[in-house]
Amino acid sequence: MAKITYKHPNGTVTVVDVEAPDTVMRGAKLNNVDGIEAQCGGSAQCGTCHVYIDGANLLPLPPMHEVEDDVLYGTACERTEFSRLSCQLPVSEEMDGLLVHLPEAQS
């Protein structure tokens, strides 16, 4: 299990426990965290689970796959070097303390 922190655009912070191997997206959905729509249910097709990994992150994250990379070009908010699809981030105990910033909009 890992504590994942979701920071909303207005500064509100929500911290939840997420079981491995659930994804950062599923952790948000199971805990009613606003700001992640996940219209495709986690299949890396819609981009509505876009998050920004905190720039100070030193925790291990899985590498970005080509499909995720492509989908991130079509997100509602600007893609940055810290952009990831939360559905493509399976949680591990090593990710305990991960901070993700939610974008202003998902669709």
PDB file of N, CA and C in Angstrom:
ATOM      1  N   MET A   1       0.846  -1.170   0.000  1.00  0.00           N
ATOM      2  CA  MET A   1       0.000   0.000   0.000  1.00  0.00           C
ATOM      3  C   MET A   1       0.897   1.242   0.000  1.00  0.00           C
ATOM      4  N   ALA A   2       0.408   2.281  -0.662  1.00  0.00           N
ATOM      5  CA  ALA A   2       1.159   3.537  -0.733  1.00  0.00           C
ATOM      6  C   ALA A   2       0.205   4.705  -0.534  1.00  0.00           C
ATOM      7  N   LYS A   3       0.679   5.735   0.130  1.00  0.00           N
ATOM      8  CA  LYS A   3      -0.075   6.978   0.246  1.00  0.00           C
ATOM      9  C   LYS A   3       0.209   7.814  -0.996  1.00  0.00           C
ATOM     10  N   ILE A   4      -0.873   8.173  -1.688  1.00  0.00           N
ATOM     11  CA  ILE A   4      -0.754   9.010  -2.877  1.00  0.00           C
ATOM     12  C   ILE A   4      -1.459  10.323  -2.564  1.00  0.00           C
ATOM     13  N   THR A   5      -0.808  11.423  -2.881  1.00  0.00           N
ATOM     14  CA  THR A   5      -1.373  12.751  -2.650  1.00  0.00           C
ATOM     15  C   THR A   5      -1.792  13.351  -3.979  1.00  0.00           C
ATOM     16  N   TYR A   6      -3.048  13.777  -4.034  1.00  0.00           N
ATOM     17  CA  TYR A   6      -3.619  14.420  -5.217  1.00  0.00           C
ATOM     18  C   TYR A   6      -3.802  15.889  -4.882  1.00  0.00           C
ATOM     19  N   LYS A   7      -3.124  16.759  -5.599  1.00  0.00           N
ATOM     20  CA  LYS A   7      -3.237  18.196  -5.356  1.00  0.00           C
ATOM     21  C   LYS A   7      -4.103  18.818  -6.448  1.00  0.00           C
ATOM     22  N   HIS A   8      -5.194  19.435  -6.009  1.00  0.00           N
ATOM     23  CA  HIS A   8      -6.150  20.046  -6.924  1.00  0.00           C
ATOM     24  C   HIS A   8      -5.665  21.434  -7.348  1.00  0.00           C
ATOM     25  N   PRO A   9      -6.126  21.934  -8.482  1.00  0.00           N
ATOM     26  CA  PRO A   9      -5.685  23.244  -8.976  1.00  0.00           C
ATOM     27  C   PRO A   9      -5.936  24.384  -7.980  1.00  0.00           C
ATOM     28  N   ASN A  10      -6.945  24.237  -7.115  1.00  0.00           N
ATOM     29  CA  ASN A  10      -7.244  25.293  -6.133  1.00  0.00           C
ATOM     30  C   ASN A  10      -6.387  25.180  -4.875  1.00  0.00           C
ATOM     31  N   GLY A  11      -5.474  24.210  -4.836  1.00  0.00           N
ATOM     32  CA  GLY A  11      -4.581  24.033  -3.701  1.00  0.00           C
ATOM     33  C   GLY A  11      -5.034  22.980  -2.704  1.00  0.00           C
ATOM     34  N   THR A  12      -6.269  22.519  -2.821  1.00  0.00           N
ATOM     35  CA  THR A  12      -6.772  21.470  -1.936  1.00  0.00           C
ATOM     36  C   THR A  12      -5.974  20.192  -2.161  1.00  0.00           C
ATOM     37  N   VAL A  13      -5.689  19.503  -1.075  1.00  0.00           N
ATOM     38  CA  VAL A  13      -4.908  18.265  -1.143  1.00  0.00           C
ATOM     39  C   VAL A  13      -5.750  17.119  -0.599  1.00  0.00           C
ATOM     40  N   THR A  14      -5.731  15.997  -1.310  1.00  0.00           N
ATOM     41  CA  THR A  14      -6.392  14.778  -0.864  1.00  0.00           C
ATOM     42  C   THR A  14      -5.344  13.675  -0.817  1.00  0.00           C
ATOM     43  N   VAL A  15      -5.209  13.023   0.329  1.00  0.00           N
ATOM     44  CA  VAL A  15      -4.250  11.933   0.496  1.00  0.00           C
ATOM     45  C   VAL A  15      -5.041  10.647   0.709  1.00  0.00           C
ATOM     46  N   VAL A  16      -4.725   9.630  -0.077  1.00  0.00           N
ATOM     47  CA  VAL A  16      -5.415   8.347   0.052  1.00  0.00           C
ATOM     48  C   VAL A  16      -4.414   7.199   0.055  1.00  0.00           C
ATOM     49  N   ASP A  17      -4.817   6.103   0.673  1.00  0.00           N
ATOM     50  CA  ASP A  17      -4.046   4.871   0.616  1.00  0.00           C
ATOM     51  C   ASP A  17      -4.488   4.102  -0.620  1.00  0.00           C
ATOM     52  N   VAL A  18      -3.528   3.678  -1.424  1.00  0.00           N
ATOM     53  CA  VAL A  18      -3.827   2.931  -2.643  1.00  0.00           C
ATOM     54  C   VAL A  18      -3.111   1.590  -2.558  1.00  0.00           C
ATOM     55  N   GLU A  19      -3.877   0.534  -2.752  1.00  0.00           N
ATOM     56  CA  GLU A  19      -3.332  -0.824  -2.731  1.00  0.00           C
ATOM     57  C   GLU A  19      -2.590  -1.117  -4.025  1.00  0.00           C
ATOM     58  N   ALA A  20      -1.454  -1.760  -3.916  1.00  0.00           N
ATOM     59  CA  ALA A  20      -0.756  -2.266  -5.094  1.00  0.00           C
ATOM     60  C   ALA A  20      -1.499  -3.508  -5.564  1.00  0.00           C
ATOM     61  N   PRO A  21      -1.650  -3.745  -6.822  1.00  0.00           N
ATOM     62  CA  PRO A  21      -1.119  -3.004  -7.962  1.00  0.00           C
ATOM     63  C   PRO A  21      -2.138  -2.060  -8.598  1.00  0.00           C
ATOM     64  N   ASP A  22      -3.124  -1.554  -7.822  1.00  0.00           N
ATOM     65  CA  ASP A  22      -4.046  -0.566  -8.388  1.00  0.00           C
ATOM     66  C   ASP A  22      -3.250   0.591  -8.974  1.00  0.00           C
ATOM     67  N   THR A  23      -3.858   1.305  -9.887  1.00  0.00           N
ATOM     68  CA  THR A  23      -3.183   2.445 -10.497  1.00  0.00           C
ATOM     69  C   THR A  23      -3.489   3.726  -9.719  1.00  0.00           C
ATOM     70  N   VAL A  24      -2.745   4.757  -9.992  1.00  0.00           N
ATOM     71  CA  VAL A  24      -2.998   6.074  -9.409  1.00  0.00           C
ATOM     72  C   VAL A  24      -4.421   6.523  -9.772  1.00  0.00           C
ATOM     73  N   MET A  25      -4.869   6.217 -10.986  1.00  0.00           N
ATOM     74  CA  MET A  25      -6.234   6.550 -11.412  1.00  0.00           C
ATOM     75  C   MET A  25      -7.259   5.793 -10.588  1.00  0.00           C
ATOM     76  N   ARG A  26      -7.088   4.493 -10.448  1.00  0.00           N
ATOM     77  CA  ARG A  26      -8.055   3.677  -9.712  1.00  0.00           C
ATOM     78  C   ARG A  26      -8.106   4.101  -8.250  1.00  0.00           C
ATOM     79  N   GLY A  27      -6.965   4.448  -7.680  1.00  0.00           N
ATOM     80  CA  GLY A  27      -6.942   4.939  -6.306  1.00  0.00           C
ATOM     81  C   GLY A  27      -7.789   6.188  -6.155  1.00  0.00           C
ATOM     82  N   ALA A  28      -7.724   7.069  -7.135  1.00  0.00           N
ATOM     83  CA  ALA A  28      -8.530   8.298  -7.104  1.00  0.00           C
ATOM     84  C   ALA A  28     -10.008   7.967  -7.232  1.00  0.00           C
ATOM     85  N   LYS A  29     -10.354   7.099  -8.168  1.00  0.00           N
ATOM     86  CA  LYS A  29     -11.759   6.750  -8.390  1.00  0.00           C
ATOM     87  C   LYS A  29     -12.354   6.027  -7.181  1.00  0.00           C
ATOM     88  N   LEU A  30     -11.625   5.078  -6.601  1.00  0.00           N
ATOM     89  CA  LEU A  30     -12.134   4.325  -5.456  1.00  0.00           C
ATOM     90  C   LEU A  30     -12.330   5.206  -4.220  1.00  0.00           C
ATOM     91  N   ASN A  31     -11.587   6.314  -4.164  1.00  0.00           N
ATOM     92  CA  ASN A  31     -11.643   7.198  -3.001  1.00  0.00           C
ATOM     93  C   ASN A  31     -12.351   8.513  -3.294  1.00  0.00           C
ATOM     94  N   ASN A  32     -13.081   8.545  -4.420  1.00  0.00           N
ATOM     95  CA  ASN A  32     -13.891   9.716  -4.783  1.00  0.00           C
ATOM     96  C   ASN A  32     -13.093  11.014  -4.857  1.00  0.00           C
ATOM     97  N   VAL A  33     -11.886  10.922  -5.408  1.00  0.00           N
ATOM     98  CA  VAL A  33     -11.067  12.114  -5.621  1.00  0.00           C
ATOM     99  C   VAL A  33     -11.548  12.787  -6.899  1.00  0.00           C
ATOM    100  N   ASP A  34     -12.007  14.021  -6.788  1.00  0.00           N
ATOM    101  CA  ASP A  34     -12.445  14.777  -7.964  1.00  0.00           C
ATOM    102  C   ASP A  34     -11.244  15.146  -8.823  1.00  0.00           C
ATOM    103  N   GLY A  35     -11.495  15.286 -10.126  1.00  0.00           N
ATOM    104  CA  GLY A  35     -10.458  15.776 -11.023  1.00  0.00           C
ATOM    105  C   GLY A  35      -9.891  14.743 -11.966  1.00  0.00           C
ATOM    106  N   ILE A  36     -10.274  13.479 -11.792  1.00  0.00           N
ATOM    107  CA  ILE A  36      -9.863  12.425 -12.710  1.00  0.00           C
ATOM    108  C   ILE A  36     -11.135  11.776 -13.230  1.00  0.00           C
ATOM    109  N   GLU A  37     -11.400  11.960 -14.525  1.00  0.00           N
ATOM    110  CA  GLU A  37     -12.625  11.428 -15.118  1.00  0.00           C
ATOM    111  C   GLU A  37     -12.493   9.961 -15.512  1.00  0.00           C
ATOM    112  N   ALA A  38     -11.405   9.606 -16.168  1.00  0.00           N
ATOM    113  CA  ALA A  38     -11.142   8.220 -16.571  1.00  0.00           C
ATOM    114  C   ALA A  38     -12.275   7.642 -17.411  1.00  0.00           C
ATOM    115  N   GLN A  39     -12.647   8.337 -18.454  1.00  0.00           N
ATOM    116  CA  GLN A  39     -13.769   7.923 -19.302  1.00  0.00           C
ATOM    117  C   GLN A  39     -13.573   6.552 -19.945  1.00  0.00           C
ATOM    118  N   CYS A  40     -12.349   6.182 -20.258  1.00  0.00           N
ATOM    119  CA  CYS A  40     -12.121   4.894 -20.918  1.00  0.00           C
ATOM    120  C   CYS A  40     -11.889   3.765 -19.920  1.00  0.00           C
ATOM    121  N   GLY A  41     -11.922   4.080 -18.646  1.00  0.00           N
ATOM    122  CA  GLY A  41     -11.790   3.047 -17.630  1.00  0.00           C
ATOM    123  C   GLY A  41     -10.382   2.548 -17.387  1.00  0.00           C
ATOM    124  N   GLY A  42      -9.411   3.222 -17.927  1.00  0.00           N
ATOM    125  CA  GLY A  42      -8.025   2.851 -17.656  1.00  0.00           C
ATOM    126  C   GLY A  42      -7.305   2.150 -18.782  1.00  0.00           C
ATOM    127  N   SER A  43      -7.777   2.297 -20.001  1.00  0.00           N
ATOM    128  CA  SER A  43      -7.129   1.613 -21.125  1.00  0.00           C
ATOM    129  C   SER A  43      -6.249   2.536 -21.968  1.00  0.00           C
ATOM    130  N   ALA A  44      -5.883   3.680 -21.427  1.00  0.00           N
ATOM    131  CA  ALA A  44      -4.956   4.610 -22.105  1.00  0.00           C
ATOM    132  C   ALA A  44      -5.466   5.058 -23.465  1.00  0.00           C
ATOM    133  N   GLN A  45      -6.765   5.368 -23.542  1.00  0.00           N
ATOM    134  CA  GLN A  45      -7.332   5.782 -24.814  1.00  0.00           C
ATOM    135  C   GLN A  45      -7.898   7.195 -24.811  1.00  0.00           C
ATOM    136  N   CYS A  46      -8.257   7.728 -23.648  1.00  0.00           N
ATOM    137  CA  CYS A  46      -9.015   8.984 -23.660  1.00  0.00           C
ATOM    138  C   CYS A  46      -8.237  10.192 -23.136  1.00  0.00           C
ATOM    139  N   GLY A  47      -7.282   9.993 -22.275  1.00  0.00           N
ATOM    140  CA  GLY A  47      -6.509  11.111 -21.725  1.00  0.00           C
ATOM    141  C   GLY A  47      -7.196  11.861 -20.604  1.00  0.00           C
ATOM    142  N   THR A  48      -8.334  11.355 -20.107  1.00  0.00           N
ATOM    143  CA  THR A  48      -9.057  12.086 -19.060  1.00  0.00           C
ATOM    144  C   THR A  48      -8.627  11.678 -17.652  1.00  0.00           C
ATOM    145  N   CYS A  49      -7.463  11.064 -17.556  1.00  0.00           N
ATOM    146  CA  CYS A  49      -6.863  10.781 -16.252  1.00  0.00           C
ATOM    147  C   CYS A  49      -5.475  11.419 -16.174  1.00  0.00           C
ATOM    148  N   HIS A  50      -5.276  12.417 -17.010  1.00  0.00           N
ATOM    149  CA  HIS A  50      -4.015  13.162 -17.088  1.00  0.00           C
ATOM    150  C   HIS A  50      -3.670  13.765 -15.724  1.00  0.00           C
ATOM    151  N   VAL A  51      -2.436  13.593 -15.299  1.00  0.00           N
ATOM    152  CA  VAL A  51      -1.925  14.231 -14.085  1.00  0.00           C
ATOM    153  C   VAL A  51      -0.523  14.748 -14.372  1.00  0.00           C
ATOM    154  N   TYR A  52      -0.066  15.610 -13.489  1.00  0.00           N
ATOM    155  CA  TYR A  52       1.317  16.093 -13.532  1.00  0.00           C
ATOM    156  C   TYR A  52       2.047  15.534 -12.318  1.00  0.00           C
ATOM    157  N   ILE A  53       3.099  14.789 -12.551  1.00  0.00           N
ATOM    158  CA  ILE A  53       3.924  14.288 -11.457  1.00  0.00           C
ATOM    159  C   ILE A  53       4.690  15.472 -10.882  1.00  0.00           C
ATOM    160  N   ASP A  54       4.748  15.555  -9.572  1.00  0.00           N
ATOM    161  CA  ASP A  54       5.450  16.671  -8.950  1.00  0.00           C
ATOM    162  C   ASP A  54       6.898  16.708  -9.433  1.00  0.00           C
ATOM    163  N   GLY A  55       7.367  17.897  -9.742  1.00  0.00           N
ATOM    164  CA  GLY A  55       8.708  18.075 -10.289  1.00  0.00           C
ATOM    165  C   GLY A  55       9.827  17.639  -9.364  1.00  0.00           C
ATOM    166  N   ALA A  56       9.560  17.586  -8.064  1.00  0.00           N
ATOM    167  CA  ALA A  56      10.579  17.172  -7.102  1.00  0.00           C
ATOM    168  C   ALA A  56      10.562  15.661  -6.862  1.00  0.00           C
ATOM    169  N   ASN A  57       9.731  14.936  -7.597  1.00  0.00           N
ATOM    170  CA  ASN A  57       9.588  13.499  -7.373  1.00  0.00           C
ATOM    171  C   ASN A  57      10.896  12.749  -7.620  1.00  0.00           C
ATOM    172  N   LEU A  58      11.261  11.919  -6.656  1.00  0.00           N
ATOM    173  CA  LEU A  58      12.413  11.038  -6.806  1.00  0.00           C
ATOM    174  C   LEU A  58      12.001   9.576  -6.693  1.00  0.00           C
ATOM    175  N   LEU A  59      10.697   9.331  -6.590  1.00  0.00           N
ATOM    176  CA  LEU A  59      10.197   7.970  -6.447  1.00  0.00           C
ATOM    177  C   LEU A  59      10.211   7.259  -7.799  1.00  0.00           C
ATOM    178  N   PRO A  60      10.413   5.936  -7.785  1.00  0.00           N
ATOM    179  CA  PRO A  60      10.467   5.195  -9.056  1.00  0.00           C
ATOM    180  C   PRO A  60       9.096   5.101  -9.715  1.00  0.00           C
ATOM    181  N   LEU A  61       9.055   5.442 -10.981  1.00  0.00           N
ATOM    182  CA  LEU A  61       7.834   5.331 -11.781  1.00  0.00           C
ATOM    183  C   LEU A  61       8.128   4.453 -12.986  1.00  0.00           C
ATOM    184  N   PRO A  62       7.125   3.730 -13.466  1.00  0.00           N
ATOM    185  CA  PRO A  62       7.360   2.921 -14.669  1.00  0.00           C
ATOM    186  C   PRO A  62       7.619   3.830 -15.862  1.00  0.00           C
ATOM    187  N   PRO A  63       8.371   3.342 -16.827  1.00  0.00           N
ATOM    188  CA  PRO A  63       8.620   4.159 -18.016  1.00  0.00           C
ATOM    189  C   PRO A  63       7.332   4.384 -18.797  1.00  0.00           C
ATOM    190  N   MET A  64       7.301   5.468 -19.554  1.00  0.00           N
ATOM    191  CA  MET A  64       6.145   5.788 -20.379  1.00  0.00           C
ATOM    192  C   MET A  64       6.190   4.948 -21.657  1.00  0.00           C
ATOM    193  N   HIS A  65       5.056   4.310 -21.952  1.00  0.00           N
ATOM    194  CA  HIS A  65       4.941   3.527 -23.172  1.00  0.00           C
ATOM    195  C   HIS A  65       4.508   4.431 -24.322  1.00  0.00           C
ATOM    196  N   GLU A  66       4.696   3.960 -25.527  1.00  0.00           N
ATOM    197  CA  GLU A  66       4.391   4.729 -26.734  1.00  0.00           C
ATOM    198  C   GLU A  66       2.923   5.161 -26.789  1.00  0.00           C
ATOM    199  N   VAL A  67       2.000   4.280 -26.414  1.00  0.00           N
ATOM    200  CA  VAL A  67       0.571   4.616 -26.452  1.00  0.00           C
ATOM    201  C   VAL A  67       0.274   5.770 -25.500  1.00  0.00           C
ATOM    202  N   GLU A  68       0.800   5.690 -24.279  1.00  0.00           N
ATOM    203  CA  GLU A  68       0.605   6.773 -23.314  1.00  0.00           C
ATOM    204  C   GLU A  68       1.169   8.079 -23.861  1.00  0.00           C
ATOM    205  N   ASP A  69       2.345   8.012 -24.431  1.00  0.00           N
ATOM    206  CA  ASP A  69       2.989   9.190 -25.006  1.00  0.00           C
ATOM    207  C   ASP A  69       2.100   9.830 -26.067  1.00  0.00           C
ATOM    208  N   ASP A  70       1.519   9.016 -26.933  1.00  0.00           N
ATOM    209  CA  ASP A  70       0.643   9.521 -27.991  1.00  0.00           C
ATOM    210  C   ASP A  70      -0.623  10.165 -27.423  1.00  0.00           C
ATOM    211  N   VAL A  71      -1.258   9.502 -26.455  1.00  0.00           N
ATOM    212  CA  VAL A  71      -2.509  10.013 -25.880  1.00  0.00           C
ATOM    213  C   VAL A  71      -2.286  11.346 -25.175  1.00  0.00           C
ATOM    214  N   LEU A  72      -1.143  11.524 -24.565  1.00  0.00           N
ATOM    215  CA  LEU A  72      -0.871  12.768 -23.837  1.00  0.00           C
ATOM    216  C   LEU A  72      -0.831  13.997 -24.742  1.00  0.00           C
ATOM    217  N   TYR A  73      -0.698  13.806 -26.043  1.00  0.00           N
ATOM    218  CA  TYR A  73      -0.738  14.948 -26.959  1.00  0.00           C
ATOM    219  C   TYR A  73      -2.153  15.463 -27.179  1.00  0.00           C
ATOM    220  N   GLY A  74      -3.170  14.708 -26.728  1.00  0.00           N
ATOM    221  CA  GLY A  74      -4.555  15.115 -26.947  1.00  0.00           C
ATOM    222  C   GLY A  74      -5.306  15.463 -25.673  1.00  0.00           C
ATOM    223  N   THR A  75      -4.609  15.747 -24.599  1.00  0.00           N
ATOM    224  CA  THR A  75      -5.280  16.051 -23.334  1.00  0.00           C
ATOM    225  C   THR A  75      -5.835  17.470 -23.329  1.00  0.00           C
ATOM    226  N   ALA A  76      -6.830  17.698 -22.471  1.00  0.00           N
ATOM    227  CA  ALA A  76      -7.499  19.009 -22.395  1.00  0.00           C
ATOM    228  C   ALA A  76      -6.554  20.106 -21.926  1.00  0.00           C
ATOM    229  N   CYS A  77      -5.663  19.774 -21.008  1.00  0.00           N
ATOM    230  CA  CYS A  77      -4.692  20.752 -20.515  1.00  0.00           C
ATOM    231  C   CYS A  77      -3.318  20.438 -21.089  1.00  0.00           C
ATOM    232  N   GLU A  78      -2.508  21.445 -21.132  1.00  0.00           N
ATOM    233  CA  GLU A  78      -1.194  21.342 -21.758  1.00  0.00           C
ATOM    234  C   GLU A  78      -0.371  20.176 -21.223  1.00  0.00           C
ATOM    235  N   ARG A  79       0.248  19.484 -22.141  1.00  0.00           N
ATOM    236  CA  ARG A  79       1.200  18.437 -21.782  1.00  0.00           C
ATOM    237  C   ARG A  79       2.513  19.106 -21.392  1.00  0.00           C
ATOM    238  N   THR A  80       3.125  18.596 -20.327  1.00  0.00           N
ATOM    239  CA  THR A  80       4.437  19.079 -19.917  1.00  0.00           C
ATOM    240  C   THR A  80       5.369  17.881 -19.754  1.00  0.00           C
ATOM    241  N   GLU A  81       6.588  18.151 -19.380  1.00  0.00           N
ATOM    242  CA  GLU A  81       7.539  17.060 -19.148  1.00  0.00           C
ATOM    243  C   GLU A  81       7.126  16.198 -17.954  1.00  0.00           C
ATOM    244  N   PHE A  82       6.199  16.695 -17.124  1.00  0.00           N
ATOM    245  CA  PHE A  82       5.747  15.966 -15.935  1.00  0.00           C
ATOM    246  C   PHE A  82       4.407  15.265 -16.158  1.00  0.00           C
ATOM    247  N   SER A  83       3.864  15.337 -17.363  1.00  0.00           N
ATOM    248  CA  SER A  83       2.571  14.733 -17.665  1.00  0.00           C
ATOM    249  C   SER A  83       2.650  13.218 -17.707  1.00  0.00           C
ATOM    250  N   ARG A  84       1.631  12.587 -17.127  1.00  0.00           N
ATOM    251  CA  ARG A  84       1.450  11.135 -17.210  1.00  0.00           C
ATOM    252  C   ARG A  84      -0.037  10.837 -17.213  1.00  0.00           C
ATOM    253  N   LEU A  85      -0.397   9.673 -17.715  1.00  0.00           N
ATOM    254  CA  LEU A  85      -1.758   9.169 -17.570  1.00  0.00           C
ATOM    255  C   LEU A  85      -1.774   8.362 -16.282  1.00  0.00           C
ATOM    256  N   SER A  86      -2.643   8.747 -15.361  1.00  0.00           N
ATOM    257  CA  SER A  86      -2.655   8.063 -14.065  1.00  0.00           C
ATOM    258  C   SER A  86      -3.085   6.610 -14.180  1.00  0.00           C
ATOM    259  N   CYS A  87      -3.770   6.253 -15.271  1.00  0.00           N
ATOM    260  CA  CYS A  87      -4.155   4.856 -15.483  1.00  0.00           C
ATOM    261  C   CYS A  87      -2.960   3.985 -15.852  1.00  0.00           C
ATOM    262  N   GLN A  88      -1.854   4.599 -16.202  1.00  0.00           N
ATOM    263  CA  GLN A  88      -0.665   3.868 -16.604  1.00  0.00           C
ATOM    264  C   GLN A  88       0.409   3.868 -15.516  1.00  0.00           C
ATOM    265  N   LEU A  89      -0.015   4.219 -14.296  1.00  0.00           N
ATOM    266  CA  LEU A  89       0.914   4.257 -13.165  1.00  0.00           C
ATOM    267  C   LEU A  89       0.469   3.267 -12.092  1.00  0.00           C
ATOM    268  N   PRO A  90       0.858   1.982 -12.237  1.00  0.00           N
ATOM    269  CA  PRO A  90       0.513   1.019 -11.197  1.00  0.00           C
ATOM    270  C   PRO A  90       1.267   1.358  -9.912  1.00  0.00           C
ATOM    271  N   VAL A  91       0.549   1.317  -8.814  1.00  0.00           N
ATOM    272  CA  VAL A  91       1.125   1.693  -7.529  1.00  0.00           C
ATOM    273  C   VAL A  91       1.930   0.532  -6.955  1.00  0.00           C
ATOM    274  N   SER A  92       3.061   0.886  -6.378  1.00  0.00           N
ATOM    275  CA  SER A  92       3.883  -0.071  -5.635  1.00  0.00           C
ATOM    276  C   SER A  92       4.218   0.584  -4.303  1.00  0.00           C
ATOM    277  N   GLU A  93       4.683  -0.213  -3.364  1.00  0.00           N
ATOM    278  CA  GLU A  93       5.056   0.343  -2.060  1.00  0.00           C
ATOM    279  C   GLU A  93       6.152   1.389  -2.193  1.00  0.00           C
ATOM    280  N   GLU A  94       6.994   1.251  -3.200  1.00  0.00           N
ATOM    281  CA  GLU A  94       8.072   2.208  -3.424  1.00  0.00           C
ATOM    282  C   GLU A  94       7.554   3.588  -3.827  1.00  0.00           C
ATOM    283  N   MET A  95       6.282   3.664  -4.229  1.00  0.00           N
ATOM    284  CA  MET A  95       5.689   4.945  -4.637  1.00  0.00           C
ATOM    285  C   MET A  95       5.019   5.669  -3.475  1.00  0.00           C
ATOM    286  N   ASP A  96       5.177   5.143  -2.262  1.00  0.00           N
ATOM    287  CA  ASP A  96       4.581   5.775  -1.087  1.00  0.00           C
ATOM    288  C   ASP A  96       5.050   7.228  -0.992  1.00  0.00           C
ATOM    289  N   GLY A  97       4.087   8.148  -0.907  1.00  0.00           N
ATOM    290  CA  GLY A  97       4.406   9.564  -0.824  1.00  0.00           C
ATOM    291  C   GLY A  97       4.338  10.298  -2.150  1.00  0.00           C
ATOM    292  N   LEU A  98       3.947   9.615  -3.221  1.00  0.00           N
ATOM    293  CA  LEU A  98       3.868  10.258  -4.538  1.00  0.00           C
ATOM    294  C   LEU A  98       2.870  11.416  -4.508  1.00  0.00           C
ATOM    295  N   LEU A  99       3.265  12.532  -5.076  1.00  0.00           N
ATOM    296  CA  LEU A  99       2.414  13.716  -5.209  1.00  0.00           C
ATOM    297  C   LEU A  99       2.116  13.931  -6.682  1.00  0.00           C
ATOM    298  N   VAL A 100       0.819  13.965  -7.005  1.00  0.00           N
ATOM    299  CA  VAL A 100       0.405  14.266  -8.362  1.00  0.00           C
ATOM    300  C   VAL A 100      -0.464  15.518  -8.339  1.00  0.00           C
ATOM    301  N   HIS A 101      -0.257  16.370  -9.324  1.00  0.00           N
ATOM    302  CA  HIS A 101      -1.046  17.595  -9.477  1.00  0.00           C
ATOM    303  C   HIS A 101      -2.111  17.332 -10.523  1.00  0.00           C
ATOM    304  N   LEU A 102      -3.349  17.692 -10.202  1.00  0.00           N
ATOM    305  CA  LEU A 102      -4.458  17.520 -11.135  1.00  0.00           C
ATOM    306  C   LEU A 102      -4.561  18.738 -12.037  1.00  0.00           C
ATOM    307  N   PRO A 103      -4.845  18.554 -13.311  1.00  0.00           N
ATOM    308  CA  PRO A 103      -4.985  19.684 -14.220  1.00  0.00           C
ATOM    309  C   PRO A 103      -6.298  20.435 -13.993  1.00  0.00           C
ATOM    310  N   GLU A 104      -6.414  21.595 -14.592  1.00  0.00           N
ATOM    311  CA  GLU A 104      -7.633  22.410 -14.496  1.00  0.00           C
ATOM    312  C   GLU A 104      -8.850  21.712 -15.077  1.00  0.00           C
ATOM    313  N   ALA A 105      -8.642  20.921 -16.133  1.00  0.00           N
ATOM    314  CA  ALA A 105      -9.744  20.228 -16.811  1.00  0.00           C
ATOM    315  C   ALA A 105      -9.258  18.918 -17.381  1.00  0.00           C
ATOM    316  N   GLN A 106     -10.178  17.987 -17.586  1.00  0.00           N
ATOM    317  CA  GLN A 106      -9.837  16.696 -18.185  1.00  0.00           C
ATOM    318  C   GLN A 106     -10.484  16.515 -19.559  1.00  0.00           C
ATOM    319  N   SER A 107     -11.529  17.243 -19.850  1.00  0.00           N
ATOM    320  CA  SER A 107     -12.167  17.080 -21.165  1.00  0.00           C
ATOM    321  C   SER A 107     -12.678  18.410 -21.661  1.00  0.00           C
TER     322      SER A 107
END
